[in-house]
Amino acid sequence: GLTEYETRAYLILLEQGVMTASEVSENGGIPYSKVYETLNS
């Protein structure tokens, strides 16, 4: 049930550990406009 962006965010957090939303966006290839929605989901 994870979307593409959710999958990217989850995997980058597993790999890198604690990150800010901005870092998740940058390192996970998730548009900044979508990162908060993705992390909230």
PDB file of all heavy atoms in Angstrom:
ATOM      1  N   GLY A   1       0.751  -1.248   0.000  1.00  0.00           N
ATOM      2  CA  GLY A   1       0.000   0.000   0.000  1.00  0.00           C
ATOM      3  C   GLY A   1       0.778   1.292   0.000  1.00  0.00           C
ATOM      4  O   GLY A   1       0.183   2.358   0.131  1.00  0.00           O
ATOM      5  N   LEU A   2       2.089   1.229  -0.147  1.00  0.00           N
ATOM      6  CA  LEU A   2       2.851   2.466  -0.186  1.00  0.00           C
ATOM      7  C   LEU A   2       2.915   3.000  -1.615  1.00  0.00           C
ATOM      8  O   LEU A   2       3.064   2.241  -2.568  1.00  0.00           O
ATOM      9  CB  LEU A   2       4.279   2.263   0.324  1.00  0.00           C
ATOM     10  CG  LEU A   2       4.456   1.855   1.778  1.00  0.00           C
ATOM     11  CD1 LEU A   2       5.939   1.886   2.155  1.00  0.00           C
ATOM     12  CD2 LEU A   2       3.654   2.720   2.719  1.00  0.00           C
ATOM     13  N   THR A   3       2.809   4.328  -1.733  1.00  0.00           N
ATOM     14  CA  THR A   3       2.956   4.970  -3.030  1.00  0.00           C
ATOM     15  C   THR A   3       4.437   5.037  -3.390  1.00  0.00           C
ATOM     16  O   THR A   3       5.304   4.722  -2.564  1.00  0.00           O
ATOM     17  CB  THR A   3       2.389   6.401  -2.998  1.00  0.00           C
ATOM     18  OG1 THR A   3       3.215   7.195  -2.128  1.00  0.00           O
ATOM     19  CG2 THR A   3       0.941   6.433  -2.534  1.00  0.00           C
ATOM     20  N   GLU A   4       4.732   5.481  -4.589  1.00  0.00           N
ATOM     21  CA  GLU A   4       6.123   5.630  -5.015  1.00  0.00           C
ATOM     22  C   GLU A   4       6.881   6.581  -4.094  1.00  0.00           C
ATOM     23  O   GLU A   4       7.983   6.279  -3.641  1.00  0.00           O
ATOM     24  CB  GLU A   4       6.192   6.133  -6.453  1.00  0.00           C
ATOM     25  CG  GLU A   4       7.615   6.353  -6.968  1.00  0.00           C
ATOM     26  CD  GLU A   4       8.447   5.085  -7.081  1.00  0.00           C
ATOM     27  OE1 GLU A   4       7.874   3.996  -7.271  1.00  0.00           O
ATOM     28  OE2 GLU A   4       9.681   5.185  -6.964  1.00  0.00           O
ATOM     29  N   TYR A   5       6.312   7.740  -3.802  1.00  0.00           N
ATOM     30  CA  TYR A   5       6.976   8.703  -2.925  1.00  0.00           C
ATOM     31  C   TYR A   5       7.105   8.164  -1.502  1.00  0.00           C
ATOM     32  O   TYR A   5       8.127   8.373  -0.849  1.00  0.00           O
ATOM     33  CB  TYR A   5       6.241  10.036  -2.900  1.00  0.00           C
ATOM     34  CG  TYR A   5       6.359  10.848  -4.172  1.00  0.00           C
ATOM     35  CD1 TYR A   5       5.389  11.778  -4.512  1.00  0.00           C
ATOM     36  CD2 TYR A   5       7.447  10.710  -5.033  1.00  0.00           C
ATOM     37  CE1 TYR A   5       5.484  12.537  -5.670  1.00  0.00           C
ATOM     38  CE2 TYR A   5       7.552  11.448  -6.192  1.00  0.00           C
ATOM     39  CZ  TYR A   5       6.573  12.364  -6.504  1.00  0.00           C
ATOM     40  OH  TYR A   5       6.678  13.116  -7.647  1.00  0.00           O
ATOM     41  N   GLU A   6       6.091   7.472  -1.011  1.00  0.00           N
ATOM     42  CA  GLU A   6       6.165   6.882   0.331  1.00  0.00           C
ATOM     43  C   GLU A   6       7.282   5.844   0.386  1.00  0.00           C
ATOM     44  O   GLU A   6       8.028   5.782   1.362  1.00  0.00           O
ATOM     45  CB  GLU A   6       4.827   6.255   0.721  1.00  0.00           C
ATOM     46  CG  GLU A   6       3.752   7.258   1.006  1.00  0.00           C
ATOM     47  CD  GLU A   6       2.387   6.635   1.161  1.00  0.00           C
ATOM     48  OE1 GLU A   6       2.162   5.483   0.716  1.00  0.00           O
ATOM     49  OE2 GLU A   6       1.506   7.303   1.728  1.00  0.00           O
ATOM     50  N   THR A   7       7.393   5.043  -0.659  1.00  0.00           N
ATOM     51  CA  THR A   7       8.449   4.035  -0.723  1.00  0.00           C
ATOM     52  C   THR A   7       9.818   4.695  -0.701  1.00  0.00           C
ATOM     53  O   THR A   7      10.708   4.289   0.050  1.00  0.00           O
ATOM     54  CB  THR A   7       8.294   3.163  -1.983  1.00  0.00           C
ATOM     55  OG1 THR A   7       7.043   2.476  -1.920  1.00  0.00           O
ATOM     56  CG2 THR A   7       9.421   2.158  -2.122  1.00  0.00           C
ATOM     57  N   ARG A   8       9.982   5.735  -1.507  1.00  0.00           N
ATOM     58  CA  ARG A   8      11.267   6.447  -1.532  1.00  0.00           C
ATOM     59  C   ARG A   8      11.595   7.027  -0.158  1.00  0.00           C
ATOM     60  O   ARG A   8      12.726   6.912   0.320  1.00  0.00           O
ATOM     61  CB  ARG A   8      11.223   7.580  -2.544  1.00  0.00           C
ATOM     62  CG  ARG A   8      11.209   7.133  -3.973  1.00  0.00           C
ATOM     63  CD  ARG A   8      11.215   8.339  -4.868  1.00  0.00           C
ATOM     64  NE  ARG A   8      10.976   7.995  -6.259  1.00  0.00           N
ATOM     65  CZ  ARG A   8      11.057   8.867  -7.238  1.00  0.00           C
ATOM     66  NH1 ARG A   8      11.348  10.132  -6.990  1.00  0.00           N
ATOM     67  NH2 ARG A   8      10.821   8.480  -8.471  1.00  0.00           N
ATOM     68  N   ALA A   9      10.620   7.682   0.451  1.00  0.00           N
ATOM     69  CA  ALA A   9      10.854   8.304   1.764  1.00  0.00           C
ATOM     70  C   ALA A   9      11.195   7.246   2.806  1.00  0.00           C
ATOM     71  O   ALA A   9      12.139   7.413   3.588  1.00  0.00           O
ATOM     72  CB  ALA A   9       9.621   9.103   2.193  1.00  0.00           C
ATOM     73  N   TYR A  10      10.441   6.164   2.837  1.00  0.00           N
ATOM     74  CA  TYR A  10      10.663   5.106   3.813  1.00  0.00           C
ATOM     75  C   TYR A  10      12.064   4.514   3.662  1.00  0.00           C
ATOM     76  O   TYR A  10      12.793   4.339   4.637  1.00  0.00           O
ATOM     77  CB  TYR A  10       9.590   4.031   3.668  1.00  0.00           C
ATOM     78  CG  TYR A  10       9.711   2.938   4.682  1.00  0.00           C
ATOM     79  CD1 TYR A  10       9.450   3.174   6.024  1.00  0.00           C
ATOM     80  CD2 TYR A  10      10.095   1.655   4.307  1.00  0.00           C
ATOM     81  CE1 TYR A  10       9.575   2.161   6.973  1.00  0.00           C
ATOM     82  CE2 TYR A  10      10.217   0.644   5.246  1.00  0.00           C
ATOM     83  CZ  TYR A  10       9.955   0.906   6.570  1.00  0.00           C
ATOM     84  OH  TYR A  10      10.081  -0.097   7.495  1.00  0.00           O
ATOM     85  N   LEU A  11      12.449   4.216   2.441  1.00  0.00           N
ATOM     86  CA  LEU A  11      13.753   3.599   2.210  1.00  0.00           C
ATOM     87  C   LEU A  11      14.898   4.541   2.548  1.00  0.00           C
ATOM     88  O   LEU A  11      15.907   4.112   3.127  1.00  0.00           O
ATOM     89  CB  LEU A  11      13.859   3.110   0.761  1.00  0.00           C
ATOM     90  CG  LEU A  11      12.952   1.939   0.410  1.00  0.00           C
ATOM     91  CD1 LEU A  11      13.042   1.624  -1.077  1.00  0.00           C
ATOM     92  CD2 LEU A  11      13.280   0.709   1.245  1.00  0.00           C
ATOM     93  N   ILE A  12      14.761   5.826   2.227  1.00  0.00           N
ATOM     94  CA  ILE A  12      15.842   6.757   2.553  1.00  0.00           C
ATOM     95  C   ILE A  12      15.954   6.935   4.058  1.00  0.00           C
ATOM     96  O   ILE A  12      17.045   7.069   4.598  1.00  0.00           O
ATOM     97  CB  ILE A  12      15.695   8.103   1.796  1.00  0.00           C
ATOM     98  CG1 ILE A  12      17.033   8.835   1.739  1.00  0.00           C
ATOM     99  CG2 ILE A  12      14.650   9.007   2.404  1.00  0.00           C
ATOM    100  CD1 ILE A  12      18.071   8.187   0.908  1.00  0.00           C
ATOM    101  N   LEU A  13      14.821   6.904   4.761  1.00  0.00           N
ATOM    102  CA  LEU A  13      14.869   7.004   6.223  1.00  0.00           C
ATOM    103  C   LEU A  13      15.488   5.749   6.835  1.00  0.00           C
ATOM    104  O   LEU A  13      16.231   5.836   7.818  1.00  0.00           O
ATOM    105  CB  LEU A  13      13.471   7.250   6.783  1.00  0.00           C
ATOM    106  CG  LEU A  13      12.939   8.670   6.552  1.00  0.00           C
ATOM    107  CD1 LEU A  13      11.441   8.728   6.812  1.00  0.00           C
ATOM    108  CD2 LEU A  13      13.683   9.658   7.426  1.00  0.00           C
ATOM    109  N   LEU A  14      15.206   4.590   6.274  1.00  0.00           N
ATOM    110  CA  LEU A  14      15.831   3.357   6.759  1.00  0.00           C
ATOM    111  C   LEU A  14      17.346   3.424   6.573  1.00  0.00           C
ATOM    112  O   LEU A  14      18.106   3.009   7.443  1.00  0.00           O
ATOM    113  CB  LEU A  14      15.289   2.137   6.013  1.00  0.00           C
ATOM    114  CG  LEU A  14      13.939   1.596   6.416  1.00  0.00           C
ATOM    115  CD1 LEU A  14      13.575   0.404   5.539  1.00  0.00           C
ATOM    116  CD2 LEU A  14      13.919   1.184   7.878  1.00  0.00           C
ATOM    117  N   GLU A  15      17.752   3.934   5.440  1.00  0.00           N
ATOM    118  CA  GLU A  15      19.172   3.982   5.121  1.00  0.00           C
ATOM    119  C   GLU A  15      19.906   5.058   5.920  1.00  0.00           C
ATOM    120  O   GLU A  15      20.994   4.814   6.449  1.00  0.00           O
ATOM    121  CB  GLU A  15      19.357   4.259   3.628  1.00  0.00           C
ATOM    122  CG  GLU A  15      20.814   4.327   3.213  1.00  0.00           C
ATOM    123  CD  GLU A  15      20.959   4.676   1.754  1.00  0.00           C
ATOM    124  OE1 GLU A  15      20.581   3.862   0.908  1.00  0.00           O
ATOM    125  OE2 GLU A  15      21.451   5.785   1.476  1.00  0.00           O
ATOM    126  N   GLN A  16      19.317   6.238   6.024  1.00  0.00           N
ATOM    127  CA  GLN A  16      20.017   7.387   6.594  1.00  0.00           C
ATOM    128  C   GLN A  16      19.679   7.668   8.061  1.00  0.00           C
ATOM    129  O   GLN A  16      20.412   8.383   8.722  1.00  0.00           O
ATOM    130  CB  GLN A  16      19.688   8.647   5.776  1.00  0.00           C
ATOM    131  CG  GLN A  16      20.004   8.535   4.306  1.00  0.00           C
ATOM    132  CD  GLN A  16      21.456   8.795   3.986  1.00  0.00           C
ATOM    133  OE1 GLN A  16      22.118   9.539   4.702  1.00  0.00           O
ATOM    134  NE2 GLN A  16      21.955   8.190   2.937  1.00  0.00           N
ATOM    135  N   GLY A  17      18.540   7.181   8.530  1.00  0.00           N
ATOM    136  CA  GLY A  17      18.135   7.474   9.900  1.00  0.00           C
ATOM    137  C   GLY A  17      17.331   8.759   9.976  1.00  0.00           C
ATOM    138  O   GLY A  17      16.727   9.189   9.000  1.00  0.00           O
ATOM    139  N   VAL A  18      17.354   9.396  11.118  1.00  0.00           N
ATOM    140  CA  VAL A  18      16.563  10.598  11.362  1.00  0.00           C
ATOM    141  C   VAL A  18      16.975  11.704  10.385  1.00  0.00           C
ATOM    142  O   VAL A  18      18.162  11.968  10.201  1.00  0.00           O
ATOM    143  CB  VAL A  18      16.754  11.081  12.817  1.00  0.00           C
ATOM    144  CG1 VAL A  18      16.027  12.400  13.049  1.00  0.00           C
ATOM    145  CG2 VAL A  18      16.279  10.022  13.790  1.00  0.00           C
ATOM    146  N   MET A  19      15.969  12.316   9.761  1.00  0.00           N
ATOM    147  CA  MET A  19      16.207  13.384   8.789  1.00  0.00           C
ATOM    148  C   MET A  19      15.093  14.411   8.888  1.00  0.00           C
ATOM    149  O   MET A  19      13.994  14.097   9.337  1.00  0.00           O
ATOM    150  CB  MET A  19      16.209  12.823   7.360  1.00  0.00           C
ATOM    151  CG  MET A  19      17.194  11.737   7.083  1.00  0.00           C
ATOM    152  SD  MET A  19      16.999  11.048   5.429  1.00  0.00           S
ATOM    153  CE  MET A  19      17.978  12.199   4.506  1.00  0.00           C
ATOM    154  N   THR A  20      15.389  15.615   8.429  1.00  0.00           N
ATOM    155  CA  THR A  20      14.345  16.625   8.299  1.00  0.00           C
ATOM    156  C   THR A  20      13.559  16.342   7.019  1.00  0.00           C
ATOM    157  O   THR A  20      14.019  15.593   6.140  1.00  0.00           O
ATOM    158  CB  THR A  20      14.945  18.040   8.205  1.00  0.00           C
ATOM    159  OG1 THR A  20      15.712  18.133   6.992  1.00  0.00           O
ATOM    160  CG2 THR A  20      15.808  18.368   9.412  1.00  0.00           C
ATOM    161  N   ALA A  21      12.396  16.965   6.902  1.00  0.00           N
ATOM    162  CA  ALA A  21      11.590  16.800   5.694  1.00  0.00           C
ATOM    163  C   ALA A  21      12.369  17.275   4.468  1.00  0.00           C
ATOM    164  O   ALA A  21      12.318  16.643   3.406  1.00  0.00           O
ATOM    165  CB  ALA A  21      10.278  17.564   5.825  1.00  0.00           C
ATOM    166  N   SER A  22      13.092  18.349   4.624  1.00  0.00           N
ATOM    167  CA  SER A  22      13.890  18.871   3.521  1.00  0.00           C
ATOM    168  C   SER A  22      14.948  17.865   3.067  1.00  0.00           C
ATOM    169  O   SER A  22      15.168  17.673   1.876  1.00  0.00           O
ATOM    170  CB  SER A  22      14.559  20.182   3.954  1.00  0.00           C
ATOM    171  OG  SER A  22      15.345  20.707   2.919  1.00  0.00           O
ATOM    172  N   GLU A  23      15.584  17.211   4.028  1.00  0.00           N
ATOM    173  CA  GLU A  23      16.592  16.192   3.697  1.00  0.00           C
ATOM    174  C   GLU A  23      15.954  14.988   3.028  1.00  0.00           C
ATOM    175  O   GLU A  23      16.531  14.414   2.096  1.00  0.00           O
ATOM    176  CB  GLU A  23      17.338  15.772   4.960  1.00  0.00           C
ATOM    177  CG  GLU A  23      18.231  16.854   5.531  1.00  0.00           C
ATOM    178  CD  GLU A  23      18.765  16.530   6.904  1.00  0.00           C
ATOM    179  OE1 GLU A  23      18.095  15.799   7.677  1.00  0.00           O
ATOM    180  OE2 GLU A  23      19.862  17.034   7.225  1.00  0.00           O
ATOM    181  N   VAL A  24      14.778  14.595   3.493  1.00  0.00           N
ATOM    182  CA  VAL A  24      14.069  13.472   2.855  1.00  0.00           C
ATOM    183  C   VAL A  24      13.758  13.835   1.413  1.00  0.00           C
ATOM    184  O   VAL A  24      13.945  13.023   0.498  1.00  0.00           O
ATOM    185  CB  VAL A  24      12.773  13.108   3.620  1.00  0.00           C
ATOM    186  CG1 VAL A  24      11.943  12.098   2.844  1.00  0.00           C
ATOM    187  CG2 VAL A  24      13.106  12.572   5.005  1.00  0.00           C
ATOM    188  N   SER A  25      13.300  15.049   1.195  1.00  0.00           N
ATOM    189  CA  SER A  25      12.990  15.513  -0.151  1.00  0.00           C
ATOM    190  C   SER A  25      14.217  15.455  -1.049  1.00  0.00           C
ATOM    191  O   SER A  25      14.175  14.886  -2.145  1.00  0.00           O
ATOM    192  CB  SER A  25      12.448  16.945  -0.089  1.00  0.00           C
ATOM    193  OG  SER A  25      12.295  17.482  -1.379  1.00  0.00           O
ATOM    194  N   GLU A  26      15.299  16.016  -0.559  1.00  0.00           N
ATOM    195  CA  GLU A  26      16.532  16.093  -1.344  1.00  0.00           C
ATOM    196  C   GLU A  26      17.142  14.720  -1.606  1.00  0.00           C
ATOM    197  O   GLU A  26      17.482  14.377  -2.731  1.00  0.00           O
ATOM    198  CB  GLU A  26      17.542  16.969  -0.613  1.00  0.00           C
ATOM    199  CG  GLU A  26      18.809  17.230  -1.393  1.00  0.00           C
ATOM    200  CD  GLU A  26      19.736  18.173  -0.653  1.00  0.00           C
ATOM    201  OE1 GLU A  26      19.252  19.182  -0.101  1.00  0.00           O
ATOM    202  OE2 GLU A  26      20.946  17.886  -0.620  1.00  0.00           O
ATOM    203  N   ASN A  27      17.274  13.916  -0.563  1.00  0.00           N
ATOM    204  CA  ASN A  27      17.939  12.614  -0.684  1.00  0.00           C
ATOM    205  C   ASN A  27      17.043  11.534  -1.286  1.00  0.00           C
ATOM    206  O   ASN A  27      17.543  10.551  -1.820  1.00  0.00           O
ATOM    207  CB  ASN A  27      18.454  12.160   0.678  1.00  0.00           C
ATOM    208  CG  ASN A  27      19.564  13.044   1.196  1.00  0.00           C
ATOM    209  OD1 ASN A  27      20.536  13.283   0.514  1.00  0.00           O
ATOM    210  ND2 ASN A  27      19.398  13.568   2.398  1.00  0.00           N
ATOM    211  N   GLY A  28      15.727  11.703  -1.167  1.00  0.00           N
ATOM    212  CA  GLY A  28      14.810  10.702  -1.680  1.00  0.00           C
ATOM    213  C   GLY A  28      14.241  11.010  -3.047  1.00  0.00           C
ATOM    214  O   GLY A  28      13.464  10.224  -3.595  1.00  0.00           O
ATOM    215  N   GLY A  29      14.606  12.163  -3.593  1.00  0.00           N
ATOM    216  CA  GLY A  29      14.095  12.522  -4.911  1.00  0.00           C
ATOM    217  C   GLY A  29      12.603  12.796  -4.903  1.00  0.00           C
ATOM    218  O   GLY A  29      11.909  12.505  -5.871  1.00  0.00           O
ATOM    219  N   ILE A  30      12.112  13.352  -3.804  1.00  0.00           N
ATOM    220  CA  ILE A  30      10.689  13.666  -3.656  1.00  0.00           C
ATOM    221  C   ILE A  30      10.539  15.172  -3.774  1.00  0.00           C
ATOM    222  O   ILE A  30      11.237  15.918  -3.072  1.00  0.00           O
ATOM    223  CB  ILE A  30      10.169  13.182  -2.289  1.00  0.00           C
ATOM    224  CG1 ILE A  30      10.368  11.676  -2.156  1.00  0.00           C
ATOM    225  CG2 ILE A  30       8.701  13.556  -2.094  1.00  0.00           C
ATOM    226  CD1 ILE A  30      10.232  11.159  -0.741  1.00  0.00           C
ATOM    227  N   PRO A  31       9.643  15.653  -4.634  1.00  0.00           N
ATOM    228  CA  PRO A  31       9.464  17.107  -4.738  1.00  0.00           C
ATOM    229  C   PRO A  31       9.130  17.697  -3.374  1.00  0.00           C
ATOM    230  O   PRO A  31       8.347  17.122  -2.612  1.00  0.00           O
ATOM    231  CB  PRO A  31       8.283  17.260  -5.702  1.00  0.00           C
ATOM    232  CG  PRO A  31       8.225  15.976  -6.446  1.00  0.00           C
ATOM    233  CD  PRO A  31       8.743  14.918  -5.508  1.00  0.00           C
ATOM    234  N   TYR A  32       9.730  18.847  -3.059  1.00  0.00           N
ATOM    235  CA  TYR A  32       9.506  19.473  -1.761  1.00  0.00           C
ATOM    236  C   TYR A  32       8.028  19.743  -1.530  1.00  0.00           C
ATOM    237  O   TYR A  32       7.538  19.643  -0.413  1.00  0.00           O
ATOM    238  CB  TYR A  32      10.321  20.762  -1.635  1.00  0.00           C
ATOM    239  CG  TYR A  32      10.308  21.323  -0.237  1.00  0.00           C
ATOM    240  CD1 TYR A  32      11.065  20.722   0.764  1.00  0.00           C
ATOM    241  CD2 TYR A  32       9.524  22.421   0.087  1.00  0.00           C
ATOM    242  CE1 TYR A  32      11.051  21.215   2.061  1.00  0.00           C
ATOM    243  CE2 TYR A  32       9.507  22.923   1.377  1.00  0.00           C
ATOM    244  CZ  TYR A  32      10.271  22.312   2.361  1.00  0.00           C
ATOM    245  OH  TYR A  32      10.249  22.793   3.646  1.00  0.00           O
ATOM    246  N   SER A  33       7.310  20.034  -2.606  1.00  0.00           N
ATOM    247  CA  SER A  33       5.873  20.316  -2.494  1.00  0.00           C
ATOM    248  C   SER A  33       5.069  19.085  -2.065  1.00  0.00           C
ATOM    249  O   SER A  33       3.922  19.210  -1.655  1.00  0.00           O
ATOM    250  CB  SER A  33       5.329  20.856  -3.811  1.00  0.00           C
ATOM    251  OG  SER A  33       5.468  19.885  -4.842  1.00  0.00           O
ATOM    252  N   LYS A  34       5.675  17.906  -2.145  1.00  0.00           N
ATOM    253  CA  LYS A  34       4.981  16.657  -1.799  1.00  0.00           C
ATOM    254  C   LYS A  34       5.523  15.969  -0.554  1.00  0.00           C
ATOM    255  O   LYS A  34       4.945  15.008  -0.065  1.00  0.00           O
ATOM    256  CB  LYS A  34       5.069  15.664  -2.968  1.00  0.00           C
ATOM    257  CG  LYS A  34       4.372  16.108  -4.221  1.00  0.00           C
ATOM    258  CD  LYS A  34       2.891  16.031  -4.021  1.00  0.00           C
ATOM    259  CE  LYS A  34       2.167  16.354  -5.312  1.00  0.00           C
ATOM    260  NZ  LYS A  34       0.737  16.478  -5.122  1.00  0.00           N
ATOM    261  N   VAL A  35       6.650  16.427  -0.036  1.00  0.00           N
ATOM    262  CA  VAL A  35       7.320  15.680   1.026  1.00  0.00           C
ATOM    263  C   VAL A  35       6.514  15.663   2.326  1.00  0.00           C
ATOM    264  O   VAL A  35       6.436  14.627   2.997  1.00  0.00           O
ATOM    265  CB  VAL A  35       8.770  16.161   1.244  1.00  0.00           C
ATOM    266  CG1 VAL A  35       8.826  17.495   1.960  1.00  0.00           C
ATOM    267  CG2 VAL A  35       9.572  15.111   1.993  1.00  0.00           C
ATOM    268  N   TYR A  36       5.893  16.776   2.717  1.00  0.00           N
ATOM    269  CA  TYR A  36       5.124  16.786   3.959  1.00  0.00           C
ATOM    270  C   TYR A  36       3.893  15.897   3.851  1.00  0.00           C
ATOM    271  O   TYR A  36       3.564  15.160   4.781  1.00  0.00           O
ATOM    272  CB  TYR A  36       4.740  18.215   4.364  1.00  0.00           C
ATOM    273  CG  TYR A  36       5.901  18.971   4.941  1.00  0.00           C
ATOM    274  CD1 TYR A  36       6.641  19.846   4.151  1.00  0.00           C
ATOM    275  CD2 TYR A  36       6.298  18.783   6.259  1.00  0.00           C
ATOM    276  CE1 TYR A  36       7.733  20.531   4.670  1.00  0.00           C
ATOM    277  CE2 TYR A  36       7.386  19.459   6.790  1.00  0.00           C
ATOM    278  CZ  TYR A  36       8.100  20.331   5.991  1.00  0.00           C
ATOM    279  OH  TYR A  36       9.177  20.996   6.516  1.00  0.00           O
ATOM    280  N   GLU A  37       3.231  15.947   2.718  1.00  0.00           N
ATOM    281  CA  GLU A  37       2.075  15.074   2.471  1.00  0.00           C
ATOM    282  C   GLU A  37       2.500  13.605   2.550  1.00  0.00           C
ATOM    283  O   GLU A  37       1.819  12.776   3.150  1.00  0.00           O
ATOM    284  CB  GLU A  37       1.494  15.391   1.092  1.00  0.00           C
ATOM    285  CG  GLU A  37       0.345  14.525   0.663  1.00  0.00           C
ATOM    286  CD  GLU A  37      -0.101  14.841  -0.763  1.00  0.00           C
ATOM    287  OE1 GLU A  37       0.039  15.996  -1.208  1.00  0.00           O
ATOM    288  OE2 GLU A  37      -0.585  13.914  -1.415  1.00  0.00           O
ATOM    289  N   THR A  38       3.632  13.299   1.955  1.00  0.00           N
ATOM    290  CA  THR A  38       4.157  11.936   1.940  1.00  0.00           C
ATOM    291  C   THR A  38       4.503  11.464   3.353  1.00  0.00           C
ATOM    292  O   THR A  38       4.117  10.364   3.768  1.00  0.00           O
ATOM    293  CB  THR A  38       5.405  11.862   1.036  1.00  0.00           C
ATOM    294  OG1 THR A  38       5.042  12.243  -0.296  1.00  0.00           O
ATOM    295  CG2 THR A  38       6.004  10.460   1.030  1.00  0.00           C
ATOM    296  N   LEU A  39       5.219  12.292   4.107  1.00  0.00           N
ATOM    297  CA  LEU A  39       5.611  11.913   5.460  1.00  0.00           C
ATOM    298  C   LEU A  39       4.405  11.809   6.391  1.00  0.00           C
ATOM    299  O   LEU A  39       4.346  10.907   7.231  1.00  0.00           O
ATOM    300  CB  LEU A  39       6.640  12.900   6.008  1.00  0.00           C
ATOM    301  CG  LEU A  39       7.994  12.876   5.303  1.00  0.00           C
ATOM    302  CD1 LEU A  39       8.863  14.024   5.778  1.00  0.00           C
ATOM    303  CD2 LEU A  39       8.691  11.540   5.491  1.00  0.00           C
ATOM    304  N   ASN A  40       3.449  12.704   6.242  1.00  0.00           N
ATOM    305  CA  ASN A  40       2.219  12.615   7.044  1.00  0.00           C
ATOM    306  C   ASN A  40       1.468  11.330   6.752  1.00  0.00           C
ATOM    307  O   ASN A  40       0.945  10.684   7.663  1.00  0.00           O
ATOM    308  CB  ASN A  40       1.317  13.831   6.795  1.00  0.00           C
ATOM    309  CG  ASN A  40       1.833  15.083   7.463  1.00  0.00           C
ATOM    310  OD1 ASN A  40       2.547  15.025   8.451  1.00  0.00           O
ATOM    311  ND2 ASN A  40       1.462  16.226   6.911  1.00  0.00           N
ATOM    312  N   SER A  41       1.421  10.950   5.486  1.00  0.00           N
ATOM    313  CA  SER A  41       0.750   9.713   5.107  1.00  0.00           C
ATOM    314  C   SER A  41       1.458   8.497   5.710  1.00  0.00           C
ATOM    315  O   SER A  41       0.812   7.583   6.234  1.00  0.00           O
ATOM    316  CB  SER A  41       0.697   9.592   3.580  1.00  0.00           C
ATOM    317  OG  SER A  41       0.063   8.408   3.198  1.00  0.00           O
TER     318      SER A  41
END
